[in-house]
Amino acid sequence: MADSPRTPLELAKLFQEVAEEKQAWKPVRLSLKGKTSVADYFVICEGETDRQVRAIADGLLERARGFGIRPLAVAGYDDATWVLLDFDSVIVHVFLPGERAFYDLEELWSAAARQRPAS
């Protein structure tokens, strides 16, 4: 097993990688440091169907659990149009495409530095 993520950035990178592994569409990491007290990072991605949204969320939760990390809250899992996983300094948003476009968090936080995956 790899070393446990020690910083919010390492945790955000891990979650972005897991989203990619689960075939999430357009995963992006936003750095919110100094812009809000809500979190240091958002990881935003989407799945094609509610089943895929749940599978992505399950993969994220499973990987976190493997490092002994538990979310403070999980919201939207049953409906699976927008699943929010709150890990305190990192918040992960897994959307259906229409929901992601409607809420447009990337535009809302357009001043945040963003990183898309290298692949």
C-alpha atoms as a PDB file:
ATOM      1  CA  MET A   1       0.000   0.000   0.000  1.00  0.00           C
ATOM      2  CA  ALA A   2       1.251   3.496  -0.790  1.00  0.00           C
ATOM      3  CA  ASP A   3       1.968   6.033   1.916  1.00  0.00           C
ATOM      4  CA  SER A   4      -1.078   7.680   3.409  1.00  0.00           C
ATOM      5  CA  PRO A   5      -1.759  11.166   2.039  1.00  0.00           C
ATOM      6  CA  ARG A   6      -0.418  13.657   4.576  1.00  0.00           C
ATOM      7  CA  THR A   7      -1.556  16.979   3.182  1.00  0.00           C
ATOM      8  CA  PRO A   8      -4.804  18.258   1.648  1.00  0.00           C
ATOM      9  CA  LEU A   9      -3.016  18.521  -1.726  1.00  0.00           C
ATOM     10  CA  GLU A  10      -1.901  14.871  -1.557  1.00  0.00           C
ATOM     11  CA  LEU A  11      -5.446  13.829  -0.644  1.00  0.00           C
ATOM     12  CA  ALA A  12      -6.940  15.879  -3.487  1.00  0.00           C
ATOM     13  CA  LYS A  13      -4.449  14.359  -5.958  1.00  0.00           C
ATOM     14  CA  LEU A  14      -5.315  10.872  -4.693  1.00  0.00           C
ATOM     15  CA  PHE A  15      -9.033  11.492  -5.187  1.00  0.00           C
ATOM     16  CA  GLN A  16      -8.458  12.874  -8.671  1.00  0.00           C
ATOM     17  CA  GLU A  17      -6.453   9.747  -9.545  1.00  0.00           C
ATOM     18  CA  VAL A  18      -9.168   7.447  -8.170  1.00  0.00           C
ATOM     19  CA  ALA A  19     -11.800   9.313 -10.216  1.00  0.00           C
ATOM     20  CA  GLU A  20      -9.659   8.754 -13.327  1.00  0.00           C
ATOM     21  CA  GLU A  21      -9.293   5.050 -12.482  1.00  0.00           C
ATOM     22  CA  LYS A  22     -13.093   4.794 -12.221  1.00  0.00           C
ATOM     23  CA  GLN A  23     -13.442   6.351 -15.698  1.00  0.00           C
ATOM     24  CA  ALA A  24     -14.942   9.599 -14.412  1.00  0.00           C
ATOM     25  CA  TRP A  25     -15.368  12.268 -17.055  1.00  0.00           C
ATOM     26  CA  LYS A  26     -13.307  15.447 -16.917  1.00  0.00           C
ATOM     27  CA  PRO A  27     -11.937  15.221 -13.375  1.00  0.00           C
ATOM     28  CA  VAL A  28     -10.551  18.542 -12.180  1.00  0.00           C
ATOM     29  CA  ARG A  29      -8.918  19.699  -8.963  1.00  0.00           C
ATOM     30  CA  LEU A  30      -9.542  23.262  -7.799  1.00  0.00           C
ATOM     31  CA  SER A  31      -7.295  24.933  -5.239  1.00  0.00           C
ATOM     32  CA  LEU A  32      -9.456  27.088  -2.978  1.00  0.00           C
ATOM     33  CA  LYS A  33      -6.690  27.993  -0.530  1.00  0.00           C
ATOM     34  CA  GLY A  34      -7.044  31.608   0.517  1.00  0.00           C
ATOM     35  CA  LYS A  35     -10.391  31.945  -1.295  1.00  0.00           C
ATOM     36  CA  THR A  36     -12.740  30.314   1.223  1.00  0.00           C
ATOM     37  CA  SER A  37     -12.732  28.575   4.571  1.00  0.00           C
ATOM     38  CA  VAL A  38     -14.998  25.804   3.237  1.00  0.00           C
ATOM     39  CA  ALA A  39     -12.107  23.625   2.003  1.00  0.00           C
ATOM     40  CA  ASP A  40      -8.619  23.796   0.567  1.00  0.00           C
ATOM     41  CA  TYR A  41      -9.532  21.764  -2.536  1.00  0.00           C
ATOM     42  CA  PHE A  42     -12.516  20.658  -4.568  1.00  0.00           C
ATOM     43  CA  VAL A  43     -12.264  17.604  -6.787  1.00  0.00           C
ATOM     44  CA  ILE A  44     -15.018  17.689  -9.395  1.00  0.00           C
ATOM     45  CA  CYS A  45     -15.908  14.969 -11.887  1.00  0.00           C
ATOM     46  CA  GLU A  46     -18.887  13.299 -13.482  1.00  0.00           C
ATOM     47  CA  GLY A  47     -20.247   9.913 -14.360  1.00  0.00           C
ATOM     48  CA  GLU A  48     -22.460   9.058 -17.312  1.00  0.00           C
ATOM     49  CA  THR A  49     -25.217   7.398 -15.260  1.00  0.00           C
ATOM     50  CA  ASP A  50     -26.359   7.305 -11.651  1.00  0.00           C
ATOM     51  CA  ARG A  51     -24.781   3.841 -11.369  1.00  0.00           C
ATOM     52  CA  GLN A  52     -21.432   5.185 -12.502  1.00  0.00           C
ATOM     53  CA  VAL A  53     -21.730   8.174 -10.133  1.00  0.00           C
ATOM     54  CA  ARG A  54     -22.237   5.724  -7.250  1.00  0.00           C
ATOM     55  CA  ALA A  55     -19.363   3.527  -8.471  1.00  0.00           C
ATOM     56  CA  ILE A  56     -17.035   6.543  -8.542  1.00  0.00           C
ATOM     57  CA  ALA A  57     -18.163   7.575  -5.052  1.00  0.00           C
ATOM     58  CA  ASP A  58     -17.728   3.997  -3.804  1.00  0.00           C
ATOM     59  CA  GLY A  59     -14.199   3.873  -5.241  1.00  0.00           C
ATOM     60  CA  LEU A  60     -13.296   7.140  -3.537  1.00  0.00           C
ATOM     61  CA  LEU A  61     -14.706   5.999  -0.203  1.00  0.00           C
ATOM     62  CA  GLU A  62     -12.993   2.615  -0.449  1.00  0.00           C
ATOM     63  CA  ARG A  63      -9.586   4.150  -1.201  1.00  0.00           C
ATOM     64  CA  ALA A  64      -9.963   6.649   1.632  1.00  0.00           C
ATOM     65  CA  ARG A  65     -11.009   3.857   4.012  1.00  0.00           C
ATOM     66  CA  GLY A  66      -7.848   1.960   3.016  1.00  0.00           C
ATOM     67  CA  PHE A  67      -5.853   4.841   4.489  1.00  0.00           C
ATOM     68  CA  GLY A  68      -8.053   5.067   7.580  1.00  0.00           C
ATOM     69  CA  ILE A  69      -9.690   8.257   6.311  1.00  0.00           C
ATOM     70  CA  ARG A  70     -13.428   8.707   6.824  1.00  0.00           C
ATOM     71  CA  PRO A  71     -15.568  11.462   5.362  1.00  0.00           C
ATOM     72  CA  LEU A  72     -17.241  13.953   7.660  1.00  0.00           C
ATOM     73  CA  ALA A  73     -20.351  13.666   5.489  1.00  0.00           C
ATOM     74  CA  VAL A  74     -21.708  11.969   2.389  1.00  0.00           C
ATOM     75  CA  ALA A  75     -24.687  13.586   0.675  1.00  0.00           C
ATOM     76  CA  GLY A  76     -26.717  12.711  -2.402  1.00  0.00           C
ATOM     77  CA  TYR A  77     -25.671   9.063  -2.668  1.00  0.00           C
ATOM     78  CA  ASP A  78     -29.192   7.616  -2.969  1.00  0.00           C
ATOM     79  CA  ASP A  79     -30.288   9.976  -5.744  1.00  0.00           C
ATOM     80  CA  ALA A  80     -26.798   9.990  -7.328  1.00  0.00           C
ATOM     81  CA  THR A  81     -27.278  13.091  -9.443  1.00  0.00           C
ATOM     82  CA  TRP A  82     -24.716  14.933  -7.280  1.00  0.00           C
ATOM     83  CA  VAL A  83     -22.776  13.027  -4.643  1.00  0.00           C
ATOM     84  CA  LEU A  84     -20.780  15.166  -2.245  1.00  0.00           C
ATOM     85  CA  LEU A  85     -18.026  13.613  -0.140  1.00  0.00           C
ATOM     86  CA  ASP A  86     -16.756  15.952   2.576  1.00  0.00           C
ATOM     87  CA  PHE A  87     -13.254  15.136   3.784  1.00  0.00           C
ATOM     88  CA  ASP A  88     -12.862  18.474   5.615  1.00  0.00           C
ATOM     89  CA  SER A  89     -10.014  20.088   3.676  1.00  0.00           C
ATOM     90  CA  VAL A  90     -11.007  18.287   0.460  1.00  0.00           C
ATOM     91  CA  ILE A  91     -14.556  18.101  -0.877  1.00  0.00           C
ATOM     92  CA  VAL A  92     -15.308  15.784  -3.768  1.00  0.00           C
ATOM     93  CA  HIS A  93     -18.262  16.417  -6.085  1.00  0.00           C
ATOM     94  CA  VAL A  94     -19.394  13.607  -8.397  1.00  0.00           C
ATOM     95  CA  PHE A  95     -22.093  14.775 -10.797  1.00  0.00           C
ATOM     96  CA  LEU A  96     -24.282  13.547 -13.582  1.00  0.00           C
ATOM     97  CA  PRO A  97     -23.411  15.677 -16.655  1.00  0.00           C
ATOM     98  CA  GLY A  98     -26.563  17.828 -16.568  1.00  0.00           C
ATOM     99  CA  GLU A  99     -26.136  18.555 -12.869  1.00  0.00           C
ATOM    100  CA  ARG A 100     -22.500  19.513 -13.307  1.00  0.00           C
ATOM    101  CA  ALA A 101     -23.417  21.928 -16.084  1.00  0.00           C
ATOM    102  CA  PHE A 102     -26.335  23.370 -14.098  1.00  0.00           C
ATOM    103  CA  TYR A 103     -24.371  24.056 -10.896  1.00  0.00           C
ATOM    104  CA  ASP A 104     -21.143  24.896 -12.807  1.00  0.00           C
ATOM    105  CA  LEU A 105     -18.844  24.932  -9.788  1.00  0.00           C
ATOM    106  CA  GLU A 106     -15.833  25.458 -12.042  1.00  0.00           C
ATOM    107  CA  GLU A 107     -17.276  28.792 -13.179  1.00  0.00           C
ATOM    108  CA  LEU A 108     -18.446  29.709  -9.690  1.00  0.00           C
ATOM    109  CA  TRP A 109     -14.879  29.181  -8.458  1.00  0.00           C
ATOM    110  CA  SER A 110     -13.247  30.455 -11.667  1.00  0.00           C
ATOM    111  CA  ALA A 111     -10.585  32.340  -9.696  1.00  0.00           C
ATOM    112  CA  ALA A 112      -9.349  29.034  -8.247  1.00  0.00           C
ATOM    113  CA  ALA A 113      -6.277  27.383  -9.732  1.00  0.00           C
ATOM    114  CA  ARG A 114      -7.337  24.217 -11.511  1.00  0.00           C
ATOM    115  CA  GLN A 115      -5.519  21.102 -12.572  1.00  0.00           C
ATOM    116  CA  ARG A 116      -6.866  18.556 -14.986  1.00  0.00           C
ATOM    117  CA  PRO A 117      -5.251  15.127 -15.196  1.00  0.00           C
ATOM    118  CA  ALA A 118      -2.092  14.798 -17.279  1.00  0.00           C
ATOM    119  CA  SER A 119      -3.575  11.924 -19.318  1.00  0.00           C
END
